[in-house]
Amino acid sequence: MYARKISFTLLAPSIWPVLETAARQISEPGYSRYLMKTNNNSGVVFEVFEDKSGASQKLEALKAVQSLHEQAMAKVTVAEGELL
């Protein structure tokens, strides 16, 4: 199993609908994604993959959050690794 954690802080709480659309919960064989709101302007996206190659194919949530970072609308931190 392989996982990705995307932590973010939005510069405006009004951006939440964009994230809720881009990082909605998904549960399918070999892939799960969860969105957690930690307060009004921050949260975490957890993604769990069957393997590392699966992580390289499922990038839509990461791209959405990174695009907010590139537009100076969010601060983003990404961590990936094998689940033990």
PDB file of N, CA and C in Angstrom:
ATOM      1  N   MET A   1       0.847  -1.175   0.000  1.00  0.00           N
ATOM      2  CA  MET A   1       0.000   0.000   0.000  1.00  0.00           C
ATOM      3  C   MET A   1       0.894   1.241   0.000  1.00  0.00           C
ATOM      4  N   TYR A   2       0.394   2.283  -0.642  1.00  0.00           N
ATOM      5  CA  TYR A   2       1.116   3.531  -0.786  1.00  0.00           C
ATOM      6  C   TYR A   2       0.134   4.657  -0.461  1.00  0.00           C
ATOM      7  N   ALA A   3       0.593   5.720   0.177  1.00  0.00           N
ATOM      8  CA  ALA A   3      -0.314   6.799   0.581  1.00  0.00           C
ATOM      9  C   ALA A   3       0.270   8.169   0.256  1.00  0.00           C
ATOM     10  N   ARG A   4      -0.650   9.119   0.098  1.00  0.00           N
ATOM     11  CA  ARG A   4      -0.276  10.515  -0.119  1.00  0.00           C
ATOM     12  C   ARG A   4      -1.116  11.364   0.823  1.00  0.00           C
ATOM     13  N   LYS A   5      -0.468  12.313   1.481  1.00  0.00           N
ATOM     14  CA  LYS A   5      -1.162  13.253   2.361  1.00  0.00           C
ATOM     15  C   LYS A   5      -0.899  14.661   1.842  1.00  0.00           C
ATOM     16  N   ILE A   6      -1.958  15.383   1.519  1.00  0.00           N
ATOM     17  CA  ILE A   6      -1.853  16.753   1.037  1.00  0.00           C
ATOM     18  C   ILE A   6      -2.464  17.657   2.100  1.00  0.00           C
ATOM     19  N   SER A   7      -1.621  18.419   2.809  1.00  0.00           N
ATOM     20  CA  SER A   7      -2.098  19.372   3.809  1.00  0.00           C
ATOM     21  C   SER A   7      -2.152  20.744   3.158  1.00  0.00           C
ATOM     22  N   PHE A   8      -3.175  21.509   3.478  1.00  0.00           N
ATOM     23  CA  PHE A   8      -3.293  22.823   2.860  1.00  0.00           C
ATOM     24  C   PHE A   8      -3.938  23.821   3.812  1.00  0.00           C
ATOM     25  N   THR A   9      -3.593  25.080   3.598  1.00  0.00           N
ATOM     26  CA  THR A   9      -4.221  26.203   4.275  1.00  0.00           C
ATOM     27  C   THR A   9      -4.679  27.161   3.194  1.00  0.00           C
ATOM     28  N   LEU A  10      -5.965  27.405   3.148  1.00  0.00           N
ATOM     29  CA  LEU A  10      -6.534  28.307   2.160  1.00  0.00           C
ATOM     30  C   LEU A  10      -6.405  29.740   2.653  1.00  0.00           C
ATOM     31  N   LEU A  11      -6.134  30.664   1.757  1.00  0.00           N
ATOM     32  CA  LEU A  11      -6.029  32.060   2.149  1.00  0.00           C
ATOM     33  C   LEU A  11      -7.398  32.710   2.289  1.00  0.00           C
ATOM     34  N   ALA A  12      -8.452  32.020   1.834  1.00  0.00           N
ATOM     35  CA  ALA A  12      -9.823  32.492   2.007  1.00  0.00           C
ATOM     36  C   ALA A  12     -10.753  31.282   2.131  1.00  0.00           C
ATOM     37  N   PRO A  13     -11.585  31.233   3.169  1.00  0.00           N
ATOM     38  CA  PRO A  13     -12.505  30.105   3.332  1.00  0.00           C
ATOM     39  C   PRO A  13     -13.476  29.935   2.165  1.00  0.00           C
ATOM     40  N   SER A  14     -13.680  30.964   1.372  1.00  0.00           N
ATOM     41  CA  SER A  14     -14.607  30.879   0.242  1.00  0.00           C
ATOM     42  C   SER A  14     -14.119  29.931  -0.855  1.00  0.00           C
ATOM     43  N   ILE A  15     -12.873  29.467  -0.775  1.00  0.00           N
ATOM     44  CA  ILE A  15     -12.305  28.550  -1.768  1.00  0.00           C
ATOM     45  C   ILE A  15     -12.710  27.097  -1.491  1.00  0.00           C
ATOM     46  N   TRP A  16     -13.307  26.824  -0.320  1.00  0.00           N
ATOM     47  CA  TRP A  16     -13.664  25.447   0.043  1.00  0.00           C
ATOM     48  C   TRP A  16     -14.485  24.717  -1.009  1.00  0.00           C
ATOM     49  N   PRO A  17     -15.479  25.339  -1.637  1.00  0.00           N
ATOM     50  CA  PRO A  17     -16.249  24.603  -2.652  1.00  0.00           C
ATOM     51  C   PRO A  17     -15.394  24.051  -3.793  1.00  0.00           C
ATOM     52  N   VAL A  18     -14.353  24.770  -4.150  1.00  0.00           N
ATOM     53  CA  VAL A  18     -13.441  24.279  -5.197  1.00  0.00           C
ATOM     54  C   VAL A  18     -12.771  22.989  -4.743  1.00  0.00           C
ATOM     55  N   LEU A  19     -12.281  22.969  -3.514  1.00  0.00           N
ATOM     56  CA  LEU A  19     -11.623  21.767  -2.991  1.00  0.00           C
ATOM     57  C   LEU A  19     -12.603  20.621  -2.791  1.00  0.00           C
ATOM     58  N   GLU A  20     -13.790  20.923  -2.328  1.00  0.00           N
ATOM     59  CA  GLU A  20     -14.781  19.864  -2.136  1.00  0.00           C
ATOM     60  C   GLU A  20     -15.136  19.185  -3.450  1.00  0.00           C
ATOM     61  N   THR A  21     -15.103  19.935  -4.528  1.00  0.00           N
ATOM     62  CA  THR A  21     -15.381  19.364  -5.846  1.00  0.00           C
ATOM     63  C   THR A  21     -14.185  18.561  -6.355  1.00  0.00           C
ATOM     64  N   ALA A  22     -12.993  19.114  -6.218  1.00  0.00           N
ATOM     65  CA  ALA A  22     -11.789  18.482  -6.764  1.00  0.00           C
ATOM     66  C   ALA A  22     -11.311  17.289  -5.946  1.00  0.00           C
ATOM     67  N   ALA A  23     -11.573  17.290  -4.644  1.00  0.00           N
ATOM     68  CA  ALA A  23     -11.032  16.242  -3.772  1.00  0.00           C
ATOM     69  C   ALA A  23     -12.137  15.498  -3.034  1.00  0.00           C
ATOM     70  N   ARG A  24     -13.256  15.291  -3.685  1.00  0.00           N
ATOM     71  CA  ARG A  24     -14.370  14.596  -3.027  1.00  0.00           C
ATOM     72  C   ARG A  24     -13.967  13.157  -2.674  1.00  0.00           C
ATOM     73  N   GLN A  25     -14.685  12.593  -1.721  1.00  0.00           N
ATOM     74  CA  GLN A  25     -14.378  11.240  -1.270  1.00  0.00           C
ATOM     75  C   GLN A  25     -14.634  10.230  -2.379  1.00  0.00           C
ATOM     76  N   ILE A  26     -13.670   9.320  -2.529  1.00  0.00           N
ATOM     77  CA  ILE A  26     -13.772   8.235  -3.505  1.00  0.00           C
ATOM     78  C   ILE A  26     -13.324   6.946  -2.815  1.00  0.00           C
ATOM     79  N   SER A  27     -14.024   5.877  -3.079  1.00  0.00           N
ATOM     80  CA  SER A  27     -13.614   4.573  -2.586  1.00  0.00           C
ATOM     81  C   SER A  27     -13.879   3.554  -3.685  1.00  0.00           C
ATOM     82  N   GLU A  28     -12.814   3.060  -4.274  1.00  0.00           N
ATOM     83  CA  GLU A  28     -12.916   2.055  -5.333  1.00  0.00           C
ATOM     84  C   GLU A  28     -11.785   1.056  -5.134  1.00  0.00           C
ATOM     85  N   PRO A  29     -11.838  -0.095  -5.769  1.00  0.00           N
ATOM     86  CA  PRO A  29     -10.773  -1.086  -5.583  1.00  0.00           C
ATOM     87  C   PRO A  29      -9.391  -0.511  -5.927  1.00  0.00           C
ATOM     88  N   GLY A  30      -8.483  -0.569  -4.976  1.00  0.00           N
ATOM     89  CA  GLY A  30      -7.123  -0.102  -5.186  1.00  0.00           C
ATOM     90  C   GLY A  30      -6.902   1.377  -4.970  1.00  0.00           C
ATOM     91  N   TYR A  31      -7.968   2.135  -4.610  1.00  0.00           N
ATOM     92  CA  TYR A  31      -7.815   3.581  -4.437  1.00  0.00           C
ATOM     93  C   TYR A  31      -8.910   4.136  -3.532  1.00  0.00           C
ATOM     94  N   SER A  32      -8.488   4.944  -2.560  1.00  0.00           N
ATOM     95  CA  SER A  32      -9.428   5.646  -1.685  1.00  0.00           C
ATOM     96  C   SER A  32      -8.923   7.067  -1.470  1.00  0.00           C
ATOM     97  N   ARG A  33      -9.866   8.016  -1.396  1.00  0.00           N
ATOM     98  CA  ARG A  33      -9.499   9.413  -1.136  1.00  0.00           C
ATOM     99  C   ARG A  33     -10.471   9.980  -0.111  1.00  0.00           C
ATOM    100  N   TYR A  34      -9.931  10.726   0.841  1.00  0.00           N
ATOM    101  CA  TYR A  34     -10.718  11.337   1.901  1.00  0.00           C
ATOM    102  C   TYR A  34     -10.313  12.791   2.054  1.00  0.00           C
ATOM    103  N   LEU A  35     -11.294  13.658   2.263  1.00  0.00           N
ATOM    104  CA  LEU A  35     -11.053  15.072   2.505  1.00  0.00           C
ATOM    105  C   LEU A  35     -11.481  15.383   3.931  1.00  0.00           C
ATOM    106  N   MET A  36     -10.586  16.004   4.687  1.00  0.00           N
ATOM    107  CA  MET A  36     -10.883  16.341   6.077  1.00  0.00           C
ATOM    108  C   MET A  36     -10.680  17.839   6.279  1.00  0.00           C
ATOM    109  N   LYS A  37     -11.694  18.497   6.790  1.00  0.00           N
ATOM    110  CA  LYS A  37     -11.616  19.927   7.094  1.00  0.00           C
ATOM    111  C   LYS A  37     -11.180  20.066   8.546  1.00  0.00           C
ATOM    112  N   THR A  38     -10.043  20.718   8.783  1.00  0.00           N
ATOM    113  CA  THR A  38      -9.541  20.847  10.155  1.00  0.00           C
ATOM    114  C   THR A  38      -9.973  22.149  10.815  1.00  0.00           C
ATOM    115  N   ASN A  39     -10.245  23.178  10.039  1.00  0.00           N
ATOM    116  CA  ASN A  39     -10.877  24.408  10.528  1.00  0.00           C
ATOM    117  C   ASN A  39     -11.409  25.182   9.329  1.00  0.00           C
ATOM    118  N   ASN A  40     -11.778  26.436   9.501  1.00  0.00           N
ATOM    119  CA  ASN A  40     -12.427  27.197   8.426  1.00  0.00           C
ATOM    120  C   ASN A  40     -11.602  27.325   7.159  1.00  0.00           C
ATOM    121  N   ASN A  41     -10.277  27.330   7.289  1.00  0.00           N
ATOM    122  CA  ASN A  41      -9.466  27.553   6.094  1.00  0.00           C
ATOM    123  C   ASN A  41      -8.338  26.545   5.904  1.00  0.00           C
ATOM    124  N   SER A  42      -8.417  25.396   6.538  1.00  0.00           N
ATOM    125  CA  SER A  42      -7.370  24.390   6.316  1.00  0.00           C
ATOM    126  C   SER A  42      -7.947  22.984   6.364  1.00  0.00           C
ATOM    127  N   GLY A  43      -7.171  22.062   5.802  1.00  0.00           N
ATOM    128  CA  GLY A  43      -7.621  20.677   5.767  1.00  0.00           C
ATOM    129  C   GLY A  43      -6.551  19.757   5.235  1.00  0.00           C
ATOM    130  N   VAL A  44      -6.943  18.503   5.038  1.00  0.00           N
ATOM    131  CA  VAL A  44      -6.031  17.457   4.593  1.00  0.00           C
ATOM    132  C   VAL A  44      -6.774  16.559   3.609  1.00  0.00           C
ATOM    133  N   VAL A  45      -6.077  16.165   2.552  1.00  0.00           N
ATOM    134  CA  VAL A  45      -6.583  15.158   1.621  1.00  0.00           C
ATOM    135  C   VAL A  45      -5.713  13.923   1.818  1.00  0.00           C
ATOM    136  N   PHE A  46      -6.330  12.798   2.167  1.00  0.00           N
ATOM    137  CA  PHE A  46      -5.624  11.526   2.294  1.00  0.00           C
ATOM    138  C   PHE A  46      -5.973  10.660   1.093  1.00  0.00           C
ATOM    139  N   GLU A  47      -4.953  10.103   0.455  1.00  0.00           N
ATOM    140  CA  GLU A  47      -5.172   9.182  -0.657  1.00  0.00           C
ATOM    141  C   GLU A  47      -4.398   7.899  -0.366  1.00  0.00           C
ATOM    142  N   VAL A  48      -5.050   6.763  -0.559  1.00  0.00           N
ATOM    143  CA  VAL A  48      -4.419   5.467  -0.342  1.00  0.00           C
ATOM    144  C   VAL A  48      -4.519   4.691  -1.656  1.00  0.00           C
ATOM    145  N   PHE A  49      -3.363   4.188  -2.107  1.00  0.00           N
ATOM    146  CA  PHE A  49      -3.261   3.493  -3.388  1.00  0.00           C
ATOM    147  C   PHE A  49      -2.796   2.060  -3.163  1.00  0.00           C
ATOM    148  N   GLU A  50      -3.049   1.220  -4.139  1.00  0.00           N
ATOM    149  CA  GLU A  50      -2.593  -0.163  -4.077  1.00  0.00           C
ATOM    150  C   GLU A  50      -1.067  -0.236  -4.131  1.00  0.00           C
ATOM    151  N   ASP A  51      -0.467   0.614  -4.965  1.00  0.00           N
ATOM    152  CA  ASP A  51       0.990   0.647  -5.078  1.00  0.00           C
ATOM    153  C   ASP A  51       1.438   2.023  -5.585  1.00  0.00           C
ATOM    154  N   LYS A  52       2.737   2.224  -5.688  1.00  0.00           N
ATOM    155  CA  LYS A  52       3.293   3.515  -6.087  1.00  0.00           C
ATOM    156  C   LYS A  52       2.908   3.883  -7.516  1.00  0.00           C
ATOM    157  N   SER A  53       2.805   2.909  -8.400  1.00  0.00           N
ATOM    158  CA  SER A  53       2.432   3.222  -9.777  1.00  0.00           C
ATOM    159  C   SER A  53       0.991   3.736  -9.852  1.00  0.00           C
ATOM    160  N   GLY A  54       0.143   3.266  -8.976  1.00  0.00           N
ATOM    161  CA  GLY A  54      -1.220   3.774  -8.916  1.00  0.00           C
ATOM    162  C   GLY A  54      -1.258   5.236  -8.499  1.00  0.00           C
ATOM    163  N   ALA A  55      -0.331   5.607  -7.616  1.00  0.00           N
ATOM    164  CA  ALA A  55      -0.250   6.999  -7.173  1.00  0.00           C
ATOM    165  C   ALA A  55       0.162   7.921  -8.310  1.00  0.00           C
ATOM    166  N   SER A  56       0.990   7.430  -9.209  1.00  0.00           N
ATOM    167  CA  SER A  56       1.431   8.265 -10.328  1.00  0.00           C
ATOM    168  C   SER A  56       0.344   8.440 -11.384  1.00  0.00           C
ATOM    169  N   GLN A  57      -0.704   7.631 -11.317  1.00  0.00           N
ATOM    170  CA  GLN A  57      -1.805   7.737 -12.277  1.00  0.00           C
ATOM    171  C   GLN A  57      -2.969   8.577 -11.753  1.00  0.00           C
ATOM    172  N   LYS A  58      -3.093   8.695 -10.444  1.00  0.00           N
ATOM    173  CA  LYS A  58      -4.206   9.431  -9.821  1.00  0.00           C
ATOM    174  C   LYS A  58      -3.674  10.755  -9.263  1.00  0.00           C
ATOM    175  N   LEU A  59      -3.626  11.766 -10.101  1.00  0.00           N
ATOM    176  CA  LEU A  59      -3.043  13.039  -9.707  1.00  0.00           C
ATOM    177  C   LEU A  59      -4.035  14.200  -9.684  1.00  0.00           C
ATOM    178  N   GLU A  60      -5.315  13.944  -9.938  1.00  0.00           N
ATOM    179  CA  GLU A  60      -6.256  15.052 -10.075  1.00  0.00           C
ATOM    180  C   GLU A  60      -6.394  15.890  -8.809  1.00  0.00           C
ATOM    181  N   ALA A  61      -6.454  15.284  -7.628  1.00  0.00           N
ATOM    182  CA  ALA A  61      -6.566  16.053  -6.385  1.00  0.00           C
ATOM    183  C   ALA A  61      -5.285  16.844  -6.133  1.00  0.00           C
ATOM    184  N   LEU A  62      -4.151  16.211  -6.355  1.00  0.00           N
ATOM    185  CA  LEU A  62      -2.868  16.889  -6.169  1.00  0.00           C
ATOM    186  C   LEU A  62      -2.740  18.079  -7.115  1.00  0.00           C
ATOM    187  N   LYS A  63      -3.098  17.899  -8.361  1.00  0.00           N
ATOM    188  CA  LYS A  63      -3.028  18.996  -9.340  1.00  0.00           C
ATOM    189  C   LYS A  63      -3.960  20.143  -8.954  1.00  0.00           C
ATOM    190  N   ALA A  64      -5.143  19.823  -8.460  1.00  0.00           N
ATOM    191  CA  ALA A  64      -6.100  20.866  -8.071  1.00  0.00           C
ATOM    192  C   ALA A  64      -5.563  21.706  -6.913  1.00  0.00           C
ATOM    193  N   VAL A  65      -5.024  21.040  -5.900  1.00  0.00           N
ATOM    194  CA  VAL A  65      -4.501  21.769  -4.749  1.00  0.00           C
ATOM    195  C   VAL A  65      -3.239  22.541  -5.135  1.00  0.00           C
ATOM    196  N   GLN A  66      -2.382  21.938  -5.942  1.00  0.00           N
ATOM    197  CA  GLN A  66      -1.165  22.631  -6.384  1.00  0.00           C
ATOM    198  C   GLN A  66      -1.504  23.851  -7.229  1.00  0.00           C
ATOM    199  N   SER A  67      -2.568  23.787  -8.010  1.00  0.00           N
ATOM    200  CA  SER A  67      -2.940  24.957  -8.813  1.00  0.00           C
ATOM    201  C   SER A  67      -3.371  26.119  -7.918  1.00  0.00           C
ATOM    202  N   LEU A  68      -4.022  25.823  -6.794  1.00  0.00           N
ATOM    203  CA  LEU A  68      -4.361  26.877  -5.839  1.00  0.00           C
ATOM    204  C   LEU A  68      -3.093  27.484  -5.240  1.00  0.00           C
ATOM    205  N   HIS A  69      -2.100  26.652  -4.996  1.00  0.00           N
ATOM    206  CA  HIS A  69      -0.820  27.132  -4.482  1.00  0.00           C
ATOM    207  C   HIS A  69      -0.133  28.041  -5.506  1.00  0.00           C
ATOM    208  N   GLU A  70      -0.133  27.622  -6.760  1.00  0.00           N
ATOM    209  CA  GLU A  70       0.506  28.405  -7.814  1.00  0.00           C
ATOM    210  C   GLU A  70      -0.171  29.754  -8.018  1.00  0.00           C
ATOM    211  N   GLN A  71      -1.460  29.839  -7.715  1.00  0.00           N
ATOM    212  CA  GLN A  71      -2.197  31.092  -7.832  1.00  0.00           C
ATOM    213  C   GLN A  71      -2.155  31.906  -6.538  1.00  0.00           C
ATOM    214  N   ALA A  72      -1.320  31.481  -5.581  1.00  0.00           N
ATOM    215  CA  ALA A  72      -1.166  32.138  -4.281  1.00  0.00           C
ATOM    216  C   ALA A  72      -2.481  32.175  -3.498  1.00  0.00           C
ATOM    217  N   MET A  73      -3.277  31.116  -3.629  1.00  0.00           N
ATOM    218  CA  MET A  73      -4.544  31.017  -2.914  1.00  0.00           C
ATOM    219  C   MET A  73      -4.489  29.998  -1.775  1.00  0.00           C
ATOM    220  N   ALA A  74      -3.372  29.261  -1.678  1.00  0.00           N
ATOM    221  CA  ALA A  74      -3.243  28.244  -0.632  1.00  0.00           C
ATOM    222  C   ALA A  74      -1.775  27.928  -0.375  1.00  0.00           C
ATOM    223  N   LYS A  75      -1.499  27.523   0.851  1.00  0.00           N
ATOM    224  CA  LYS A  75      -0.197  26.964   1.201  1.00  0.00           C
ATOM    225  C   LYS A  75      -0.379  25.452   1.222  1.00  0.00           C
ATOM    226  N   VAL A  76       0.556  24.725   0.620  1.00  0.00           N
ATOM    227  CA  VAL A  76       0.381  23.285   0.425  1.00  0.00           C
ATOM    228  C   VAL A  76       1.632  22.526   0.856  1.00  0.00           C
ATOM    229  N   THR A  77       1.425  21.399   1.514  1.00  0.00           N
ATOM    230  CA  THR A  77       2.493  20.467   1.865  1.00  0.00           C
ATOM    231  C   THR A  77       2.061  19.077   1.447  1.00  0.00           C
ATOM    232  N   VAL A  78       2.961  18.337   0.775  1.00  0.00           N
ATOM    233  CA  VAL A  78       2.644  16.997   0.290  1.00  0.00           C
ATOM    234  C   VAL A  78       3.644  16.010   0.881  1.00  0.00           C
ATOM    235  N   ALA A  79       3.140  14.875   1.369  1.00  0.00           N
ATOM    236  CA  ALA A  79       3.979  13.782   1.855  1.00  0.00           C
ATOM    237  C   ALA A  79       3.472  12.492   1.248  1.00  0.00           C
ATOM    238  N   GLU A  80       4.387  11.650   0.795  1.00  0.00           N
ATOM    239  CA  GLU A  80       4.032  10.354   0.209  1.00  0.00           C
ATOM    240  C   GLU A  80       4.929   9.268   0.790  1.00  0.00           C
ATOM    241  N   GLY A  81       4.435   8.045   0.783  1.00  0.00           N
ATOM    242  CA  GLY A  81       5.263   6.929   1.209  1.00  0.00           C
ATOM    243  C   GLY A  81       4.505   5.633   1.332  1.00  0.00           C
ATOM    244  N   GLU A  82       5.273   4.583   1.588  1.00  0.00           N
ATOM    245  CA  GLU A  82       4.717   3.239   1.779  1.00  0.00           C
ATOM    246  C   GLU A  82       4.037   3.143   3.128  1.00  0.00           C
ATOM    247  N   LEU A  83       2.881   2.504   3.158  1.00  0.00           N
ATOM    248  CA  LEU A  83       2.209   2.233   4.423  1.00  0.00           C
ATOM    249  C   LEU A  83       2.836   0.996   5.052  1.00  0.00           C
ATOM    250  N   LEU A  84       3.098   1.061   6.316  1.00  0.00           N
ATOM    251  CA  LEU A  84       3.714  -0.055   7.024  1.00  0.00           C
ATOM    252  C   LEU A  84       2.669  -0.832   7.807  1.00  0.00           C
TER     253      LEU A  84
END
